[in-house]
Protein backbone atom coordinates (compact mmCIF):
# COMPACT_ATOMS: atom_id res chain seq x y z
CA MET A 1 222.05 165.93 39.91
CA ASP A 2 222.83 166.58 43.58
CA SER A 3 221.11 169.95 43.79
CA ALA A 4 219.06 171.94 41.33
CA PRO A 5 221.03 174.61 39.46
CA THR A 6 219.96 178.19 39.99
CA ILE A 7 219.35 180.98 37.49
CA ASP A 8 222.56 183.01 37.26
CA GLU A 9 221.84 185.44 34.46
CA ILE A 10 219.03 186.82 32.31
CA SER A 11 219.57 188.84 29.13
CA VAL A 12 216.96 190.28 26.79
CA SER A 13 217.11 191.68 23.27
CA ALA A 14 214.60 192.86 20.69
CA PHE A 15 214.88 192.71 16.90
CA ARG A 16 212.58 194.53 14.47
CA ILE A 17 212.43 192.76 11.11
CA PRO A 18 210.75 194.29 8.03
CA THR A 19 207.97 192.30 6.42
CA SER A 20 208.54 190.79 2.98
CA SER A 21 205.93 193.27 1.66
CA PRO A 22 203.37 195.65 3.25
CA GLU A 23 200.73 193.71 5.17
CA ALA A 24 197.27 194.43 6.53
CA ASP A 25 194.16 192.77 7.89
CA GLY A 26 190.64 194.03 8.49
CA THR A 27 191.62 196.52 11.21
CA TYR A 28 195.42 197.04 11.15
CA TRP A 29 198.42 197.69 8.89
CA TRP A 30 202.10 196.89 9.51
CA ASP A 31 205.47 196.76 7.75
CA SER A 32 207.66 195.11 10.40
CA THR A 33 207.50 192.56 13.21
CA THR A 34 209.44 192.74 16.48
CA ILE A 35 210.65 189.63 18.29
CA VAL A 36 211.78 189.84 21.92
CA ILE A 37 214.33 187.17 22.84
CA VAL A 38 215.17 186.18 26.41
CA GLN A 39 218.17 184.06 27.37
CA VAL A 40 218.53 182.59 30.85
CA ARG A 41 221.67 180.87 32.14
CA ALA A 42 222.21 178.31 34.88
CA GLY A 43 225.87 177.34 35.13
CA ASP A 44 227.09 176.47 31.66
CA THR A 45 223.60 175.87 30.24
CA ARG A 46 221.65 178.60 28.51
CA GLY A 47 217.93 178.56 27.67
CA ILE A 48 216.22 180.68 25.05
CA GLY A 49 212.64 181.91 24.84
CA TYR A 50 210.88 184.50 22.77
CA GLY A 51 207.71 186.39 22.01
CA TYR A 52 206.41 188.78 19.38
CA ALA A 53 205.95 192.08 21.20
CA ASP A 54 206.90 195.73 21.36
CA PRO A 55 210.49 196.57 22.47
CA SER A 56 208.98 198.06 25.64
CA THR A 57 208.41 194.45 26.67
CA ALA A 58 212.18 193.95 26.77
CA LEU A 59 212.59 197.03 28.95
CA LEU A 60 209.93 195.73 31.35
CA ILE A 61 211.75 192.40 31.61
CA ASP A 62 215.03 194.15 32.41
CA GLN A 63 213.53 196.51 34.96
CA HIS A 64 210.90 194.36 36.67
CA LEU A 65 211.23 190.63 35.99
CA ALA A 66 214.92 189.72 35.72
CA ASP A 67 215.75 190.25 39.41
CA VAL A 68 212.67 188.26 40.45
CA VAL A 69 213.84 185.21 38.54
CA LYS A 70 217.58 185.35 39.31
CA GLY A 71 218.63 182.96 42.06
CA LYS A 72 215.60 180.71 41.70
CA SER A 73 215.90 177.03 40.89
CA ALA A 74 216.05 176.28 37.19
CA MET A 75 213.80 173.29 37.91
CA ALA A 76 211.07 175.39 39.57
CA VAL A 77 209.54 177.13 36.57
CA THR A 78 206.17 177.53 38.27
CA GLU A 79 207.72 179.28 41.26
CA ALA A 80 209.30 181.86 38.94
CA TRP A 81 206.04 182.22 37.00
CA VAL A 82 204.06 182.99 40.16
CA ALA A 83 206.71 185.44 41.38
CA MET A 84 206.60 187.34 38.09
CA GLY A 85 202.83 187.58 38.33
CA TRP A 86 203.05 189.18 41.76
CA LYS A 87 205.79 191.55 40.59
CA VAL A 88 203.57 193.16 37.91
CA ARG A 89 200.56 193.56 40.22
CA ASN A 90 200.74 197.36 40.16
CA LEU A 91 201.66 197.54 36.46
CA GLY A 92 198.61 195.69 35.16
CA ARG A 93 198.78 192.04 34.18
CA PRO A 94 197.31 192.10 30.63
CA GLY A 95 199.33 193.51 27.75
CA VAL A 96 203.04 194.25 27.91
CA ALA A 97 203.51 192.77 31.39
CA SER A 98 202.00 189.46 30.36
CA MET A 99 204.08 189.35 27.18
CA GLY A 100 207.18 189.91 29.31
CA ILE A 101 206.23 187.08 31.64
CA SER A 102 205.56 184.89 28.60
CA ALA A 103 209.00 185.42 27.04
CA VAL A 104 210.79 184.69 30.32
CA ASP A 105 208.61 181.67 31.08
CA ASN A 106 209.32 180.24 27.63
CA ALA A 107 213.06 180.65 28.23
CA LEU A 108 212.79 178.91 31.60
CA TRP A 109 211.05 175.89 30.06
CA ASP A 110 213.74 175.74 27.39
CA LEU A 111 216.47 175.90 30.04
CA LYS A 112 214.91 173.16 32.17
CA ALA A 113 214.54 170.88 29.14
CA ARG A 114 218.18 171.47 28.13
CA LEU A 115 219.39 170.69 31.64
CA LEU A 116 217.49 167.40 31.46
CA GLY A 117 218.59 166.68 27.88
CA VAL A 118 215.08 166.47 26.42
CA SER A 119 212.89 168.55 24.13
CA VAL A 120 210.26 170.83 25.65
CA ALA A 121 207.57 168.58 24.17
CA GLU A 122 209.07 165.57 25.94
CA LEU A 123 209.45 167.51 29.18
CA LEU A 124 205.78 168.47 29.12
CA GLY A 125 204.70 164.92 28.30
CA PRO A 126 203.64 164.54 24.68
CA ALA A 127 200.12 163.57 23.68
CA ARG A 128 201.29 163.26 20.06
CA ALA A 129 204.51 163.37 18.06
CA ALA A 130 203.39 166.12 15.67
CA ILE A 131 200.64 168.71 15.33
CA ALA A 132 198.79 169.91 12.23
CA ALA A 133 199.85 173.28 10.80
CA TYR A 134 197.58 175.64 8.92
CA GLY A 135 199.05 178.22 6.56
CA SER A 136 198.19 181.78 7.56
CA GLY A 137 198.68 184.88 5.45
CA GLY A 138 196.53 186.05 2.55
CA PHE A 139 196.84 189.65 3.71
CA THR A 140 194.40 192.22 2.39
CA THR A 141 197.33 194.03 0.75
CA TYR A 142 197.91 191.01 -1.50
CA SER A 143 196.63 190.89 -5.05
CA ASN A 144 194.56 187.85 -5.92
CA ASP A 145 197.58 186.46 -7.77
CA GLN A 146 199.78 186.80 -4.65
CA LEU A 147 197.08 185.25 -2.51
CA GLN A 148 196.69 182.27 -4.80
CA GLU A 149 200.43 181.71 -5.18
CA GLN A 150 200.97 181.68 -1.41
CA PHE A 151 198.15 179.23 -0.82
CA ARG A 152 199.17 176.91 -3.66
CA CYS A 153 202.71 176.77 -2.28
CA TRP A 154 201.55 175.78 1.18
CA VAL A 155 199.18 173.12 -0.10
CA GLN A 156 201.28 171.66 -2.92
CA GLN A 157 204.81 171.99 -1.49
CA ASP A 158 204.28 171.78 2.28
CA GLY A 159 201.28 169.45 2.31
CA ILE A 160 199.26 171.83 4.45
CA ARG A 161 195.57 170.95 4.64
CA ALA A 162 194.11 174.28 5.79
CA VAL A 163 194.91 177.90 4.87
CA LYS A 164 193.70 181.20 6.31
CA MET A 165 193.27 184.61 4.72
CA LYS A 166 192.55 188.10 6.04
CA ILE A 167 189.30 189.87 5.18
CA GLY A 168 187.46 193.04 6.20
CA THR A 169 189.49 195.90 4.72
CA ASP A 170 187.18 196.08 1.71
CA PRO A 171 184.08 193.98 2.39
CA HIS A 172 182.82 194.54 -1.17
CA ALA A 173 185.88 192.66 -2.48
CA ASP A 174 185.91 189.88 0.12
CA LEU A 175 183.67 187.42 -1.69
CA GLU A 176 185.80 187.72 -4.82
CA ARG A 177 189.01 187.26 -2.82
CA VAL A 178 187.64 184.24 -0.94
CA SER A 179 186.47 182.76 -4.24
CA ALA A 180 190.00 183.23 -5.66
CA ALA A 181 191.45 181.46 -2.64
CA ARG A 182 189.09 178.52 -3.06
CA GLU A 183 189.96 178.32 -6.74
CA ALA A 184 193.67 178.14 -5.87
CA ILE A 185 193.39 175.29 -3.37
CA GLY A 186 190.49 173.40 -4.91
CA ASP A 187 189.23 170.64 -2.68
CA ASP A 188 192.71 169.85 -1.36
CA ALA A 189 192.51 172.03 1.77
CA GLU A 190 190.11 173.70 4.17
CA LEU A 191 189.67 177.45 3.83
CA TYR A 192 189.67 179.75 6.87
CA VAL A 193 188.91 183.50 7.02
CA ASP A 194 189.92 186.02 9.68
CA ALA A 195 188.20 189.42 10.01
CA ASN A 196 190.16 190.58 13.07
CA GLY A 197 186.93 192.00 14.48
CA ALA A 198 186.19 194.21 11.48
CA PHE A 199 182.45 193.49 11.15
CA ARG A 200 179.24 194.22 13.02
CA VAL A 201 177.25 191.18 14.08
CA LYS A 202 174.54 191.23 11.37
CA GLU A 203 177.13 192.04 8.70
CA ALA A 204 179.33 189.19 9.86
CA LEU A 205 176.42 186.75 9.93
CA GLY A 206 175.53 187.61 6.35
CA PHE A 207 179.11 187.04 5.24
CA ALA A 208 179.23 183.72 7.12
CA TRP A 209 176.35 182.32 5.08
CA ALA A 210 177.83 183.68 1.85
CA PHE A 211 181.23 182.15 2.68
CA ALA A 212 179.55 178.82 3.40
CA ASP A 213 178.87 178.46 -0.33
CA LEU A 214 182.69 178.50 -0.80
CA ASP A 215 183.17 175.83 1.88
CA VAL A 216 184.75 178.18 4.42
CA SER A 217 185.00 176.10 7.58
CA TRP A 218 186.50 178.62 10.06
CA PHE A 219 185.52 182.26 10.70
CA GLU A 220 187.94 183.94 13.08
CA GLU A 221 186.99 187.06 15.00
CA PRO A 222 184.03 187.93 12.77
CA VAL A 223 183.30 190.61 15.40
CA SER A 224 185.43 192.01 18.20
CA SER A 225 186.76 189.34 20.53
CA ASP A 226 185.35 191.45 23.38
CA ASP A 227 181.81 190.99 22.01
CA LEU A 228 181.12 187.64 23.61
CA ALA A 229 177.38 187.83 22.93
CA GLY A 230 178.07 188.59 19.27
CA LEU A 231 180.49 185.69 18.95
CA ARG A 232 177.98 183.35 20.56
CA LEU A 233 175.28 184.50 18.17
CA MET A 234 177.63 183.80 15.27
CA SER A 235 178.30 180.31 16.60
CA GLU A 236 174.64 179.54 17.13
CA GLN A 237 173.13 181.21 14.05
CA GLY A 238 175.92 180.72 11.52
CA PRO A 239 176.36 177.80 9.12
CA PRO A 240 176.58 174.43 10.93
CA GLY A 241 179.90 173.49 9.32
CA MET A 242 181.67 176.75 10.18
CA ASP A 243 183.67 177.11 13.41
CA ILE A 244 183.86 180.46 15.19
CA ALA A 245 187.35 181.03 16.58
CA ALA A 246 188.79 183.72 18.88
CA GLY A 247 191.03 184.17 21.90
CA GLU A 248 194.42 185.24 20.54
CA TYR A 249 194.30 188.47 22.59
CA GLY A 250 193.94 186.64 25.90
CA TYR A 251 196.60 187.52 28.47
CA ASP A 252 195.41 185.62 31.54
CA THR A 253 193.27 182.61 32.44
CA PRO A 254 190.19 184.61 33.57
CA TYR A 255 189.93 186.03 30.04
CA PHE A 256 189.73 182.55 28.52
CA GLU A 257 187.34 181.32 31.19
CA ARG A 258 184.94 184.17 30.45
CA MET A 259 185.04 183.41 26.74
CA LEU A 260 184.38 179.71 27.28
CA ALA A 261 181.70 180.25 29.94
CA ALA A 262 179.85 182.54 27.51
CA GLY A 263 179.79 179.81 24.86
CA ALA A 264 181.40 182.36 22.53
CA VAL A 265 183.66 180.09 20.47
CA ASP A 266 183.80 176.67 18.90
CA VAL A 267 187.62 176.83 18.86
CA LEU A 268 189.56 178.74 21.50
CA GLN A 269 192.80 180.35 20.38
CA ALA A 270 195.71 181.02 22.73
CA ASP A 271 199.18 182.45 22.26
CA ALA A 272 202.05 181.35 24.52
CA THR A 273 203.86 184.61 23.71
CA ARG A 274 200.97 186.52 25.33
CA CYS A 275 199.07 184.34 27.80
CA GLY A 276 201.88 183.70 30.27
CA GLY A 277 204.17 181.45 28.25
CA ILE A 278 204.06 177.68 28.16
CA SER A 279 202.82 177.72 31.76
CA GLY A 280 199.81 179.85 30.86
CA PHE A 281 199.14 177.93 27.67
CA LEU A 282 198.83 174.67 29.62
CA GLN A 283 196.29 176.34 31.90
CA VAL A 284 194.25 177.32 28.84
CA ASN A 285 194.37 173.71 27.67
CA ALA A 286 192.95 172.63 31.03
CA LEU A 287 190.08 175.11 30.61
CA CYS A 288 189.39 173.66 27.16
CA GLU A 289 189.25 170.19 28.71
CA ALA A 290 186.74 171.42 31.28
CA HIS A 291 184.55 173.09 28.63
CA CYS A 292 184.95 170.43 25.91
CA ARG A 293 186.36 172.89 23.39
CA ARG A 294 189.21 172.53 20.92
CA LEU A 295 192.36 174.61 21.23
CA SER A 296 194.35 176.28 18.46
CA ALA A 297 197.73 177.99 18.89
CA HIS A 298 198.12 181.52 17.54
CA THR A 299 201.34 182.04 15.49
CA ALA A 300 204.96 181.44 16.79
CA PRO A 301 205.02 178.00 15.14
CA THR A 302 208.33 176.65 16.49
CA LEU A 303 207.40 177.38 20.09
CA HIS A 304 203.80 176.21 19.76
CA ALA A 305 204.77 172.96 18.05
CA HIS A 306 206.17 171.78 21.37
CA ALA A 307 203.29 173.14 23.46
CA CYS A 308 200.62 171.64 21.20
CA CYS A 309 202.23 168.23 21.07
CA ALA A 310 201.60 168.15 24.83
CA ALA A 311 198.23 169.96 24.94
CA THR A 312 195.47 167.35 24.81
CA ARG A 313 192.84 169.67 23.28
CA ALA A 314 195.12 171.16 20.61
CA MET A 315 193.97 170.75 17.01
CA ASN A 316 196.49 172.85 15.09
CA VAL A 317 199.13 175.59 15.07
CA GLU A 318 198.97 178.75 12.98
CA TYR A 319 201.88 178.65 10.52
CA PHE A 320 201.86 182.44 10.22
CA HIS A 321 203.82 183.79 7.25
CA ASP A 322 205.68 186.51 9.19
CA HIS A 323 206.68 184.34 12.15
CA ALA A 324 207.63 181.24 10.16
CA ARG A 325 209.82 183.49 8.02
CA ILE A 326 211.46 185.25 10.98
CA GLU A 327 212.12 182.03 12.87
CA GLN A 328 213.85 180.55 9.84
CA MET A 329 215.89 183.75 9.43
CA ILE A 330 217.28 184.08 12.95
CA PHE A 331 217.12 180.63 14.56
CA ASP A 332 218.98 177.46 13.73
CA GLY A 333 216.58 174.58 14.28
CA ALA A 334 213.32 176.44 13.63
CA ILE A 335 210.60 173.94 12.76
CA ARG A 336 209.30 173.93 9.18
CA ALA A 337 205.95 172.57 8.09
CA LYS A 338 206.36 169.22 6.36
CA ASN A 339 203.53 167.03 5.13
CA GLY A 340 201.16 169.45 6.80
CA GLU A 341 202.67 168.98 10.25
CA LEU A 342 205.04 170.58 12.72
CA ARG A 343 207.18 167.90 14.34
CA PRO A 344 209.60 168.72 17.18
CA ASP A 345 212.93 166.92 16.97
CA PRO A 346 213.36 164.84 20.14
CA GLY A 347 217.10 164.84 19.50
CA ARG A 348 217.33 168.62 20.00
CA PRO A 349 216.98 169.67 23.68
CA GLY A 350 214.64 172.47 24.64
CA PHE A 351 212.86 174.15 21.77
CA GLY A 352 215.74 172.95 19.60
CA ILE A 353 216.77 176.43 18.49
CA GLU A 354 219.90 178.56 18.62
CA LEU A 355 220.08 182.26 17.82
CA LYS A 356 221.95 183.15 14.64
CA GLN A 357 223.57 186.11 16.33
CA ALA A 358 225.26 187.58 13.27
CA ASP A 359 222.11 187.32 11.16
CA ALA A 360 219.94 188.88 13.87
CA GLU A 361 222.27 191.69 14.88
CA LYS A 362 221.43 194.07 12.07
CA TYR A 363 217.81 194.11 13.20
CA ARG A 364 218.52 194.86 16.88
CA VAL A 365 216.47 197.65 18.47
CA TYR A 366 217.06 196.75 22.13
CA GLY A 367 219.82 195.03 24.07
CA ASP A 368 223.32 195.47 25.43
CA GLY A 369 222.27 195.72 29.06
CA GLY A 370 218.94 197.32 28.31
CA VAL A 371 220.25 200.29 26.30
CA LYS A 372 217.92 200.96 23.41
CA LYS A 373 219.69 201.46 20.12
CA THR A 374 218.49 204.01 17.59
């Protein structure tokens, strides 16, 4: 290649897809999920990236980020990433701005890998060929029968060796629900619980010791992820075999550094659709190296399969029901869990996905040059 190709075009769309049934966790309820998809073109090669975010994220990309990236070298992903960070200085980096940067950054990594004819995992330099997946669902809107059926399917059909359920909507029912989950999976898989910050510290600590009798090995966001002292207390005073996990709401590296410096978590979670894309995710991995903590990827399994195969501290990827379903619906090449793992295909360049345009179109809520459709 005589000279590096430059970014010629950026397009962004958003698609809102109804959930398979109403869903809720300990602090929130939803009936649809929105995916923002960015496509970047250099010459005849097109890269694709995505994130799960509000449609306003797509508008921000169109109005503030696209012109910053156009004309830059397709090989210089970091240059574009830094430029986008400066561009949102007066907008506020956390939140929508960071999710916009993430979606564009993911597309740029996909484009670079396609130009070089390799997968994103290979481009980043793999530490492993596959990464463990854990099944994530068990919403508080599910009956015990639904909960058990979902978990049995993941364990028996997909070979998954850890499953996670939501708790906190009705604390009085949580022990019964967790017991039903353990009954469904037996001793074949680890059991994780996620309160999404629904509990107070003493309440959460009491539940942790009760859950320990059901061999729960992971308690995610037992209290608010902003309560670093509370999370640390949970880690220090909770059952020895139970990891405290948090971090999925981190949008920049200082957030993760504060959480790690406070000793707040045993496992740090990060989301490449929020924390600045693949570029930001790799920075979080470096922080985990420095603090000797494990790293877990939050949702978006196809994208994170590549990132976690390269991230040295990664232990698993959340195979989230909504996102695994959506990725299979609208992408050719989306990675499915098999034998408990997510394995990128080295024969498919980039993230290995292509948008099923016709299948996605009926869900469009943003696109066509930035005109929002009603």
